[in-house]
N, C-alpha and C. Protein backbone atom coordinates (compact mmCIF):
# COMPACT_ATOMS: atom_id res chain seq x y z
N UNK A 1 101.38 176.53 204.60
CA UNK A 1 100.73 175.26 204.88
C UNK A 1 100.59 174.42 203.62
N UNK A 2 100.26 175.12 202.51
CA UNK A 2 100.10 174.41 201.24
C UNK A 2 101.42 173.78 200.81
N UNK A 3 102.53 174.46 201.06
CA UNK A 3 103.85 173.94 200.72
C UNK A 3 104.12 172.65 201.49
N UNK A 4 103.72 172.61 202.77
CA UNK A 4 103.93 171.39 203.57
C UNK A 4 103.16 170.22 202.97
N UNK A 5 101.96 170.47 202.51
CA UNK A 5 101.15 169.39 201.91
C UNK A 5 101.79 168.86 200.64
N UNK A 6 102.26 169.77 199.81
CA UNK A 6 102.91 169.36 198.56
C UNK A 6 104.17 168.56 198.85
N UNK A 7 104.97 169.02 199.78
CA UNK A 7 106.20 168.32 200.14
C UNK A 7 105.87 166.95 200.73
N UNK A 8 104.84 166.85 201.56
CA UNK A 8 104.45 165.57 202.15
C UNK A 8 103.99 164.59 201.07
N UNK A 9 103.22 165.07 200.10
CA UNK A 9 102.78 164.21 199.01
C UNK A 9 103.97 163.71 198.20
N UNK A 10 104.90 164.59 197.89
CA UNK A 10 106.10 164.18 197.14
C UNK A 10 106.89 163.15 197.95
N UNK A 11 106.99 163.35 199.25
CA UNK A 11 107.72 162.41 200.09
C UNK A 11 107.05 161.04 200.07
N UNK A 12 105.73 161.01 200.20
CA UNK A 12 105.02 159.72 200.19
C UNK A 12 105.15 159.01 198.85
N UNK A 13 105.06 159.75 197.76
CA UNK A 13 105.22 159.15 196.43
C UNK A 13 106.62 158.57 196.29
N UNK A 14 107.61 159.31 196.72
CA UNK A 14 108.99 158.83 196.63
C UNK A 14 109.23 157.59 197.45
N UNK A 15 108.68 157.54 198.66
CA UNK A 15 108.88 156.39 199.52
C UNK A 15 108.08 155.17 199.10
N UNK A 16 106.99 155.38 198.37
CA UNK A 16 106.16 154.24 197.97
C UNK A 16 106.53 153.70 196.60
N UNK A 17 107.52 154.26 195.96
CA UNK A 17 107.93 153.77 194.64
C UNK A 17 108.40 152.33 194.74
N UNK A 18 108.08 151.54 193.73
CA UNK A 18 108.49 150.14 193.74
C UNK A 18 109.61 149.91 192.76
N UNK A 19 110.38 148.88 193.01
CA UNK A 19 111.50 148.53 192.15
C UNK A 19 111.01 147.62 191.02
N UNK A 20 111.71 147.68 189.90
CA UNK A 20 111.41 146.78 188.79
C UNK A 20 111.96 145.41 189.13
N UNK A 21 111.30 144.37 188.68
CA UNK A 21 111.74 143.02 188.96
C UNK A 21 112.42 142.45 187.72
N UNK A 22 113.69 142.13 187.88
CA UNK A 22 114.43 141.51 186.78
C UNK A 22 114.02 140.05 186.69
N UNK A 23 114.22 139.44 185.54
CA UNK A 23 113.85 138.05 185.34
C UNK A 23 115.09 137.25 184.92
N UNK A 24 115.90 136.85 185.89
CA UNK A 24 117.11 136.13 185.54
C UNK A 24 116.81 134.73 185.02
N UNK A 25 117.63 134.26 184.09
CA UNK A 25 117.52 132.91 183.56
C UNK A 25 118.92 132.38 183.33
N UNK A 26 119.10 131.10 183.58
CA UNK A 26 120.38 130.44 183.32
C UNK A 26 120.17 129.36 182.28
N UNK A 27 120.99 129.41 181.24
CA UNK A 27 121.02 128.38 180.21
C UNK A 27 122.27 127.54 180.47
N UNK A 28 122.10 126.26 180.77
CA UNK A 28 123.23 125.39 181.07
C UNK A 28 123.36 124.31 180.02
N UNK A 29 124.57 124.16 179.52
CA UNK A 29 124.89 123.13 178.53
C UNK A 29 125.96 122.24 179.14
N UNK A 30 125.67 120.95 179.28
CA UNK A 30 126.68 120.01 179.73
C UNK A 30 126.99 119.08 178.57
N UNK A 31 128.24 118.69 178.45
CA UNK A 31 128.65 117.87 177.31
C UNK A 31 129.97 117.18 177.61
N UNK A 32 130.34 116.29 176.72
CA UNK A 32 131.70 115.75 176.69
C UNK A 32 132.39 116.46 175.55
N UNK A 33 133.61 116.93 175.78
CA UNK A 33 134.25 117.71 174.73
C UNK A 33 135.74 117.58 174.67
N UNK A 34 136.27 118.09 173.59
CA UNK A 34 137.71 118.19 173.43
C UNK A 34 138.02 119.50 172.72
N UNK A 35 139.25 119.96 172.87
CA UNK A 35 139.67 121.20 172.26
C UNK A 35 140.82 121.79 173.03
N UNK A 36 140.97 123.09 172.94
CA UNK A 36 142.04 123.80 173.64
C UNK A 36 141.48 125.05 174.28
N UNK A 37 142.02 125.36 175.45
CA UNK A 37 141.71 126.63 176.09
C UNK A 37 143.04 127.23 176.52
N UNK A 38 143.43 128.30 175.87
CA UNK A 38 144.77 128.83 176.06
C UNK A 38 145.76 127.80 175.54
N UNK A 39 146.78 127.48 176.34
CA UNK A 39 147.79 126.48 175.96
C UNK A 39 147.43 125.09 176.46
N UNK A 40 146.27 124.94 177.07
CA UNK A 40 145.88 123.66 177.67
C UNK A 40 144.92 122.92 176.74
N UNK A 41 145.28 121.69 176.41
CA UNK A 41 144.40 120.84 175.63
C UNK A 41 143.54 120.00 176.55
N UNK A 42 142.34 119.65 176.09
CA UNK A 42 141.48 118.74 176.86
C UNK A 42 140.83 117.77 175.88
N UNK A 43 140.58 116.55 176.37
CA UNK A 43 139.98 115.52 175.53
C UNK A 43 139.05 114.66 176.38
N UNK A 44 137.88 114.35 175.84
CA UNK A 44 136.86 113.56 176.55
C UNK A 44 136.62 114.11 177.96
N UNK A 45 136.61 115.42 178.05
CA UNK A 45 136.42 116.09 179.34
C UNK A 45 134.96 116.46 179.53
N UNK A 46 134.52 116.44 180.78
CA UNK A 46 133.19 116.93 181.11
C UNK A 46 133.23 118.45 181.03
N UNK A 47 132.31 119.02 180.26
CA UNK A 47 132.28 120.46 180.03
C UNK A 47 130.90 120.99 180.43
N UNK A 48 130.89 122.10 181.14
CA UNK A 48 129.64 122.78 181.48
C UNK A 48 129.79 124.23 181.06
N UNK A 49 128.88 124.69 180.21
CA UNK A 49 128.83 126.10 179.86
C UNK A 49 127.55 126.66 180.49
N UNK A 50 127.71 127.66 181.35
CA UNK A 50 126.57 128.28 182.03
C UNK A 50 126.46 129.72 181.58
N UNK A 51 125.31 130.07 181.03
CA UNK A 51 125.07 131.42 180.52
C UNK A 51 123.98 132.06 181.36
N UNK A 52 124.30 133.17 182.02
CA UNK A 52 123.30 133.93 182.77
C UNK A 52 122.81 135.06 181.90
N UNK A 53 121.49 135.25 181.90
CA UNK A 53 120.89 136.30 181.08
C UNK A 53 119.65 136.83 181.78
N UNK A 54 119.00 137.77 181.14
CA UNK A 54 117.76 138.35 181.65
C UNK A 54 116.70 138.15 180.58
N UNK A 55 115.57 137.58 180.96
CA UNK A 55 114.52 137.29 179.99
C UNK A 55 113.99 138.56 179.31
N UNK A 56 114.14 139.71 179.95
CA UNK A 56 113.69 140.96 179.35
C UNK A 56 114.52 141.36 178.13
N UNK A 57 115.68 140.72 177.95
CA UNK A 57 116.56 141.05 176.82
C UNK A 57 116.31 140.19 175.58
N UNK A 58 115.38 139.25 175.63
CA UNK A 58 115.07 138.41 174.47
C UNK A 58 114.47 139.27 173.36
N UNK A 59 114.93 139.03 172.12
CA UNK A 59 114.37 139.79 171.00
C UNK A 59 114.56 139.02 169.70
N UNK A 60 113.69 139.31 168.75
CA UNK A 60 113.79 138.72 167.42
C UNK A 60 114.79 139.51 166.59
N UNK A 61 115.68 138.80 165.90
CA UNK A 61 116.59 139.49 164.98
C UNK A 61 116.10 139.35 163.54
N UNK A 62 115.23 138.40 163.31
CA UNK A 62 114.53 138.23 162.04
C UNK A 62 113.33 137.34 162.34
N UNK A 63 112.45 137.09 161.39
CA UNK A 63 111.22 136.34 161.69
C UNK A 63 111.43 134.92 162.21
N UNK A 64 112.61 134.35 162.05
CA UNK A 64 112.82 132.97 162.48
C UNK A 64 113.93 132.81 163.52
N UNK A 65 114.48 133.91 164.04
CA UNK A 65 115.58 133.81 164.99
C UNK A 65 115.34 134.67 166.22
N UNK A 66 115.29 134.02 167.38
CA UNK A 66 115.13 134.69 168.67
C UNK A 66 116.46 134.61 169.41
N UNK A 67 116.91 135.71 170.02
CA UNK A 67 118.19 135.72 170.73
C UNK A 67 118.05 136.31 172.13
N UNK A 68 119.00 135.92 172.99
CA UNK A 68 119.14 136.51 174.31
C UNK A 68 120.64 136.58 174.59
N UNK A 69 121.15 137.77 174.88
CA UNK A 69 122.57 137.96 175.15
C UNK A 69 122.86 137.79 176.64
N UNK A 70 124.01 137.21 176.93
CA UNK A 70 124.40 136.91 178.31
C UNK A 70 124.69 138.19 179.10
N UNK A 71 124.46 138.09 180.40
CA UNK A 71 124.98 139.10 181.32
C UNK A 71 126.33 138.62 181.85
N UNK A 72 126.51 137.29 181.88
CA UNK A 72 127.80 136.67 182.18
C UNK A 72 127.73 135.22 181.74
N UNK A 73 128.89 134.62 181.52
CA UNK A 73 128.94 133.22 181.10
C UNK A 73 130.26 132.60 181.51
N UNK A 74 130.21 131.32 181.90
CA UNK A 74 131.41 130.60 182.30
C UNK A 74 131.48 129.27 181.57
N UNK A 75 132.69 128.73 181.51
CA UNK A 75 132.90 127.38 181.01
C UNK A 75 133.74 126.65 182.05
N UNK A 76 133.29 125.46 182.42
CA UNK A 76 134.00 124.62 183.37
C UNK A 76 134.42 123.35 182.64
N UNK A 77 135.70 123.05 182.67
CA UNK A 77 136.24 121.89 181.97
C UNK A 77 136.96 121.02 183.00
N UNK A 78 136.52 119.75 183.12
CA UNK A 78 137.16 118.87 184.10
C UNK A 78 138.64 118.70 183.77
N UNK A 79 139.45 118.78 184.82
CA UNK A 79 140.89 118.66 184.65
C UNK A 79 141.57 119.96 184.24
N UNK A 80 140.79 120.99 183.94
CA UNK A 80 141.35 122.27 183.51
C UNK A 80 140.98 123.38 184.49
N UNK A 81 139.69 123.57 184.72
CA UNK A 81 139.22 124.61 185.63
C UNK A 81 138.03 125.36 185.07
N UNK A 82 137.74 126.47 185.70
CA UNK A 82 136.60 127.31 185.33
C UNK A 82 137.12 128.62 184.76
N UNK A 83 136.52 129.05 183.66
CA UNK A 83 136.91 130.32 183.03
C UNK A 83 135.66 131.14 182.75
N UNK A 84 135.83 132.44 182.86
CA UNK A 84 134.77 133.39 182.51
C UNK A 84 134.95 133.78 181.04
N UNK A 85 133.86 133.78 180.27
CA UNK A 85 133.94 134.29 178.90
C UNK A 85 134.13 135.79 178.96
N UNK A 86 135.00 136.32 178.12
CA UNK A 86 135.28 137.76 178.12
C UNK A 86 134.39 138.54 177.17
N UNK A 87 133.68 137.83 176.31
CA UNK A 87 132.75 138.50 175.41
C UNK A 87 131.33 138.05 175.73
N UNK A 88 130.38 138.75 175.16
CA UNK A 88 128.98 138.37 175.32
C UNK A 88 128.75 137.05 174.60
N UNK A 89 127.99 136.18 175.25
CA UNK A 89 127.60 134.91 174.65
C UNK A 89 126.12 135.02 174.30
N UNK A 90 125.80 134.74 173.06
CA UNK A 90 124.43 134.85 172.59
C UNK A 90 123.80 133.46 172.53
N UNK A 91 122.63 133.32 173.18
CA UNK A 91 121.84 132.10 173.07
C UNK A 91 120.81 132.40 171.98
N UNK A 92 120.73 131.53 171.00
CA UNK A 92 119.91 131.80 169.82
C UNK A 92 119.06 130.60 169.46
N UNK A 93 117.76 130.82 169.29
CA UNK A 93 116.89 129.77 168.76
C UNK A 93 116.63 130.12 167.31
N UNK A 94 117.11 129.25 166.44
CA UNK A 94 116.95 129.46 164.99
C UNK A 94 115.86 128.54 164.48
N UNK A 95 114.92 129.10 163.70
CA UNK A 95 113.80 128.32 163.17
C UNK A 95 112.72 128.12 164.22
N UNK A 96 112.38 129.17 164.95
CA UNK A 96 111.50 129.06 166.12
C UNK A 96 110.14 128.43 165.83
N UNK A 97 109.70 128.48 164.57
CA UNK A 97 108.38 127.90 164.28
C UNK A 97 108.46 126.46 163.79
N UNK A 98 109.67 125.90 163.67
CA UNK A 98 109.82 124.50 163.27
C UNK A 98 109.77 124.36 161.77
N UNK A 99 109.83 123.16 161.21
CA UNK A 99 109.87 121.90 161.94
C UNK A 99 111.26 121.58 162.50
N UNK A 100 112.31 122.23 161.99
CA UNK A 100 113.65 121.99 162.52
C UNK A 100 114.07 123.23 163.30
N UNK A 101 114.33 123.05 164.59
CA UNK A 101 114.74 124.16 165.45
C UNK A 101 116.11 123.84 166.02
N UNK A 102 117.02 124.79 165.93
CA UNK A 102 118.38 124.59 166.44
C UNK A 102 118.68 125.68 167.46
N UNK A 103 119.21 125.27 168.60
CA UNK A 103 119.63 126.20 169.64
C UNK A 103 121.14 126.40 169.47
N UNK A 104 121.54 127.63 169.19
CA UNK A 104 122.95 127.97 168.98
C UNK A 104 123.49 128.72 170.19
N UNK A 105 124.77 128.53 170.44
CA UNK A 105 125.50 129.30 171.43
C UNK A 105 126.63 129.97 170.68
N UNK A 106 126.62 131.31 170.64
CA UNK A 106 127.55 132.05 169.79
C UNK A 106 128.33 133.05 170.62
N UNK A 107 129.67 133.06 170.43
CA UNK A 107 130.53 134.06 171.07
C UNK A 107 130.55 135.29 170.19
N UNK A 108 130.13 136.42 170.73
CA UNK A 108 129.97 137.61 169.91
C UNK A 108 131.28 138.34 169.61
N UNK A 109 132.40 137.96 170.29
CA UNK A 109 133.65 138.65 169.96
C UNK A 109 134.07 138.34 168.53
N UNK A 110 133.86 137.12 168.06
CA UNK A 110 134.21 136.75 166.69
C UNK A 110 133.01 136.21 165.90
N UNK A 111 131.79 136.31 166.48
CA UNK A 111 130.58 135.72 165.87
C UNK A 111 130.81 134.25 165.55
N UNK A 112 131.40 133.53 166.49
CA UNK A 112 131.75 132.12 166.30
C UNK A 112 130.75 131.21 167.00
N UNK A 113 130.35 130.17 166.30
CA UNK A 113 129.46 129.15 166.87
C UNK A 113 130.25 128.31 167.87
N UNK A 114 129.76 128.24 169.10
CA UNK A 114 130.41 127.42 170.11
C UNK A 114 129.74 126.06 170.23
N UNK A 115 128.44 126.01 170.04
CA UNK A 115 127.70 124.80 170.33
C UNK A 115 126.33 124.89 169.67
N UNK A 116 125.77 123.75 169.28
CA UNK A 116 124.43 123.72 168.70
C UNK A 116 123.72 122.46 169.17
N UNK A 117 122.43 122.56 169.35
CA UNK A 117 121.62 121.41 169.74
C UNK A 117 120.32 121.45 168.94
N UNK A 118 119.91 120.30 168.43
CA UNK A 118 118.70 120.18 167.63
C UNK A 118 117.76 119.20 168.35
N UNK A 119 116.54 119.66 168.65
CA UNK A 119 115.61 118.80 169.38
C UNK A 119 114.18 119.28 169.13
N UNK A 120 113.23 118.35 168.95
CA UNK A 120 111.83 118.76 168.72
C UNK A 120 111.23 119.59 169.86
N UNK A 121 111.72 119.42 171.07
CA UNK A 121 111.18 120.19 172.21
C UNK A 121 111.47 121.68 172.09
N UNK A 122 112.37 122.05 171.18
CA UNK A 122 112.71 123.46 171.00
C UNK A 122 111.71 124.21 170.13
N UNK A 123 110.81 123.51 169.45
CA UNK A 123 109.81 124.17 168.61
C UNK A 123 108.96 125.08 169.49
N UNK A 124 108.96 126.36 169.16
CA UNK A 124 108.17 127.34 169.91
C UNK A 124 108.83 127.83 171.19
N UNK A 125 110.05 127.38 171.49
CA UNK A 125 110.71 127.82 172.72
C UNK A 125 111.05 129.31 172.63
N UNK A 126 110.70 130.06 173.68
CA UNK A 126 110.81 131.53 173.66
C UNK A 126 112.01 132.10 174.41
N UNK A 127 112.90 131.25 174.92
CA UNK A 127 114.09 131.66 175.68
C UNK A 127 113.76 132.40 176.97
N UNK A 128 112.50 132.45 177.37
CA UNK A 128 112.11 133.16 178.58
C UNK A 128 111.66 132.23 179.70
N UNK A 129 111.45 130.97 179.39
CA UNK A 129 110.88 130.05 180.36
C UNK A 129 111.81 128.86 180.61
N UNK A 130 111.60 128.17 181.74
CA UNK A 130 112.39 126.97 182.01
C UNK A 130 112.13 125.91 180.92
N UNK A 131 113.14 125.11 180.67
CA UNK A 131 113.00 124.04 179.68
C UNK A 131 114.06 122.99 179.96
N UNK A 132 113.70 121.75 179.71
CA UNK A 132 114.68 120.68 179.78
C UNK A 132 114.53 119.82 181.01
N UNK A 133 115.40 118.84 181.10
CA UNK A 133 116.59 118.66 180.27
C UNK A 133 116.27 118.12 178.88
N UNK A 134 117.04 118.59 177.91
CA UNK A 134 116.96 118.13 176.52
C UNK A 134 118.32 117.53 176.19
N UNK A 135 118.30 116.33 175.62
CA UNK A 135 119.55 115.62 175.32
C UNK A 135 119.71 115.46 173.82
N UNK A 136 120.93 115.71 173.33
CA UNK A 136 121.25 115.52 171.92
C UNK A 136 122.61 114.83 171.85
N UNK A 137 122.64 113.63 171.30
CA UNK A 137 123.89 112.86 171.26
C UNK A 137 124.73 113.16 170.02
N UNK A 138 124.18 113.90 169.07
CA UNK A 138 124.91 114.17 167.81
C UNK A 138 126.10 115.09 168.09
N UNK A 139 127.30 114.66 167.69
CA UNK A 139 128.48 115.50 167.92
C UNK A 139 128.41 116.82 167.15
N UNK A 140 128.94 117.85 167.77
CA UNK A 140 128.99 119.17 167.15
C UNK A 140 130.45 119.62 167.12
N UNK A 141 130.96 119.86 165.94
CA UNK A 141 132.29 120.43 165.80
C UNK A 141 132.10 121.92 165.57
N UNK A 142 132.24 122.67 166.63
CA UNK A 142 131.98 124.10 166.54
C UNK A 142 133.10 124.81 165.78
N UNK A 143 134.32 124.49 166.12
CA UNK A 143 135.44 125.13 165.44
C UNK A 143 135.57 126.60 165.77
N UNK A 144 134.61 127.14 166.51
CA UNK A 144 134.64 128.55 166.85
C UNK A 144 135.64 128.85 167.94
N UNK A 145 135.95 130.09 168.09
CA UNK A 145 136.88 130.53 169.11
C UNK A 145 136.19 131.58 169.97
N UNK A 146 136.58 131.61 171.25
CA UNK A 146 136.04 132.61 172.16
C UNK A 146 137.10 132.95 173.20
N UNK A 147 137.15 134.19 173.60
CA UNK A 147 138.11 134.64 174.61
C UNK A 147 137.58 134.33 175.99
N UNK A 148 138.45 133.76 176.84
CA UNK A 148 138.09 133.47 178.22
C UNK A 148 139.23 133.93 179.13
N UNK A 149 138.99 133.86 180.43
CA UNK A 149 140.02 134.25 181.39
C UNK A 149 141.18 133.25 181.43
N UNK A 150 141.02 132.06 180.84
CA UNK A 150 142.10 131.08 180.75
C UNK A 150 142.75 131.07 179.37
N UNK A 151 142.36 132.00 178.50
CA UNK A 151 142.88 132.04 177.13
C UNK A 151 141.77 131.75 176.13
N UNK A 152 142.15 131.64 174.86
CA UNK A 152 141.15 131.41 173.79
C UNK A 152 140.69 129.97 173.80
N UNK A 153 139.38 129.78 173.73
CA UNK A 153 138.79 128.46 173.54
C UNK A 153 138.77 128.21 172.04
N UNK A 154 139.48 127.18 171.58
CA UNK A 154 139.57 126.90 170.15
C UNK A 154 139.41 125.41 169.88
N UNK A 155 139.04 125.10 168.65
CA UNK A 155 138.95 123.72 168.21
C UNK A 155 137.98 122.87 169.01
N UNK A 156 136.96 123.49 169.55
CA UNK A 156 136.03 122.76 170.43
C UNK A 156 135.17 121.78 169.64
N UNK A 157 134.98 120.60 170.23
CA UNK A 157 134.14 119.55 169.66
C UNK A 157 133.35 118.97 170.82
N UNK A 158 132.02 118.94 170.70
CA UNK A 158 131.17 118.50 171.80
C UNK A 158 130.25 117.37 171.35
N UNK A 159 129.92 116.47 172.29
CA UNK A 159 128.93 115.43 172.03
C UNK A 159 128.16 115.17 173.33
N UNK A 160 127.06 114.43 173.20
CA UNK A 160 126.22 114.12 174.36
C UNK A 160 125.86 115.39 175.14
N UNK A 161 125.28 116.32 174.42
CA UNK A 161 124.94 117.64 174.98
C UNK A 161 123.58 117.59 175.67
N UNK A 162 123.52 118.10 176.87
CA UNK A 162 122.27 118.26 177.60
C UNK A 162 122.06 119.74 177.84
N UNK A 163 120.84 120.21 177.58
CA UNK A 163 120.49 121.62 177.76
C UNK A 163 119.39 121.73 178.80
N UNK A 164 119.56 122.67 179.72
CA UNK A 164 118.54 122.98 180.72
C UNK A 164 118.48 124.49 180.88
N UNK A 165 117.28 125.04 180.88
CA UNK A 165 117.07 126.47 181.17
C UNK A 165 116.30 126.57 182.47
N UNK A 166 116.81 127.35 183.42
CA UNK A 166 116.14 127.53 184.70
C UNK A 166 116.00 129.02 184.99
N UNK A 167 114.87 129.35 185.57
CA UNK A 167 114.65 130.74 185.96
C UNK A 167 114.84 130.84 187.46
N UNK A 168 115.38 131.99 187.89
CA UNK A 168 115.58 132.21 189.32
C UNK A 168 114.51 133.12 189.86
N UNK A 169 114.51 133.26 191.17
CA UNK A 169 113.58 134.20 191.79
C UNK A 169 113.96 135.60 191.33
N UNK A 170 112.97 136.43 191.06
CA UNK A 170 113.22 137.78 190.57
C UNK A 170 114.05 138.58 191.55
N UNK A 171 115.14 139.07 191.08
CA UNK A 171 115.99 139.93 191.90
C UNK A 171 115.54 141.36 191.69
N UNK A 172 115.23 142.05 192.77
CA UNK A 172 114.76 143.43 192.62
C UNK A 172 115.92 144.32 192.25
N UNK A 173 115.76 145.01 191.13
CA UNK A 173 116.78 145.91 190.62
C UNK A 173 116.16 147.31 190.54
N UNK A 174 116.60 148.23 191.40
CA UNK A 174 116.02 149.57 191.34
C UNK A 174 116.35 150.27 190.02
N UNK A 175 115.36 150.90 189.43
CA UNK A 175 115.57 151.67 188.21
C UNK A 175 115.97 153.09 188.60
N UNK A 176 116.64 153.81 187.70
CA UNK A 176 117.04 155.19 188.03
C UNK A 176 115.87 156.07 188.44
N UNK A 177 114.73 155.94 187.78
CA UNK A 177 113.57 156.77 188.13
C UNK A 177 113.09 156.45 189.54
N UNK A 178 113.15 155.19 189.94
CA UNK A 178 112.74 154.80 191.29
C UNK A 178 113.66 155.44 192.32
N UNK A 179 114.96 155.41 192.04
CA UNK A 179 115.91 156.02 192.96
C UNK A 179 115.71 157.53 193.05
N UNK A 180 115.38 158.16 191.92
CA UNK A 180 115.11 159.59 191.92
C UNK A 180 113.89 159.92 192.78
N UNK A 181 112.84 159.13 192.63
CA UNK A 181 111.64 159.35 193.45
C UNK A 181 111.94 159.14 194.93
N UNK A 182 112.70 158.10 195.25
CA UNK A 182 113.05 157.85 196.64
C UNK A 182 113.86 159.01 197.20
N UNK A 183 114.84 159.47 196.45
CA UNK A 183 115.65 160.61 196.90
C UNK A 183 114.82 161.86 197.10
N UNK A 184 113.89 162.11 196.18
CA UNK A 184 113.00 163.27 196.30
C UNK A 184 112.13 163.15 197.55
N UNK A 185 111.63 161.96 197.80
CA UNK A 185 110.80 161.73 198.98
C UNK A 185 111.57 161.96 200.27
N UNK A 186 112.79 161.45 200.32
CA UNK A 186 113.61 161.64 201.51
C UNK A 186 113.98 163.11 201.70
N UNK A 187 114.29 163.81 200.62
CA UNK A 187 114.59 165.25 200.71
C UNK A 187 113.37 166.01 201.23
N UNK A 188 112.19 165.61 200.77
CA UNK A 188 110.96 166.26 201.25
C UNK A 188 110.75 166.06 202.73
N UNK A 189 111.01 164.85 203.21
CA UNK A 189 110.87 164.58 204.64
C UNK A 189 111.87 165.37 205.47
N UNK A 190 113.09 165.47 204.99
CA UNK A 190 114.12 166.25 205.68
C UNK A 190 113.69 167.71 205.75
N UNK A 191 113.16 168.24 204.65
CA UNK A 191 112.73 169.64 204.62
C UNK A 191 111.60 169.89 205.61
N UNK A 192 110.62 168.98 205.64
CA UNK A 192 109.50 169.13 206.58
C UNK A 192 110.02 169.09 208.02
N UNK A 193 110.94 168.17 208.32
CA UNK A 193 111.49 168.06 209.69
C UNK A 193 112.24 169.33 210.07
N UNK A 194 112.99 169.92 209.17
CA UNK A 194 113.73 171.15 209.47
C UNK A 194 112.78 172.32 209.74
N UNK A 195 111.73 172.41 208.94
CA UNK A 195 110.78 173.53 209.13
C UNK A 195 110.05 173.40 210.46
N UNK A 196 109.76 172.19 210.87
CA UNK A 196 109.06 172.01 212.15
C UNK A 196 109.94 172.43 213.32
N UNK A 197 111.26 172.23 213.19
CA UNK A 197 112.19 172.60 214.25
C UNK A 197 112.27 174.12 214.39
N UNK A 198 112.09 174.84 213.27
CA UNK A 198 112.22 176.30 213.31
C UNK A 198 111.01 176.88 213.90
């Protein structure tokens, strides 16, 4: 009888386990740009770079630099198409305490700067919350390169950059421990049901 009680408790604990809630965030950069992607050149094209990340991954790399690495990132170029970045894209706030704060977008395959934006609204920005739109008309010649599904993005030059960060509804992502508890709970229920039949 005592065994049945222990198994029932384990089953209830396993079935009542909750999933961890991820905190997705999208960093979107829209701009006018020129450069090359693979063998295709573009000029004065509308460009959108969308970086998906998780706010739980934000971390300081030094006292003045906060970063968040992408879970995925795309670039859409009018007249060319949409490409997926093949390397991690890092969103970086440099100089987080001000007075000059710069938001960098860096391709980690070559540690190349893709884009930068400077705006007073970035002072104290933690990369975890919604922000924007923020507009910066100063042209940025990134010169960096990044691998994409359409080829290497090279010679990029951007102007009239708008930045927006949006958070999505938390997507429930089961953790391994939660799945283990659930499995243990279900196994306990199966065992109790079998013993009752005997």
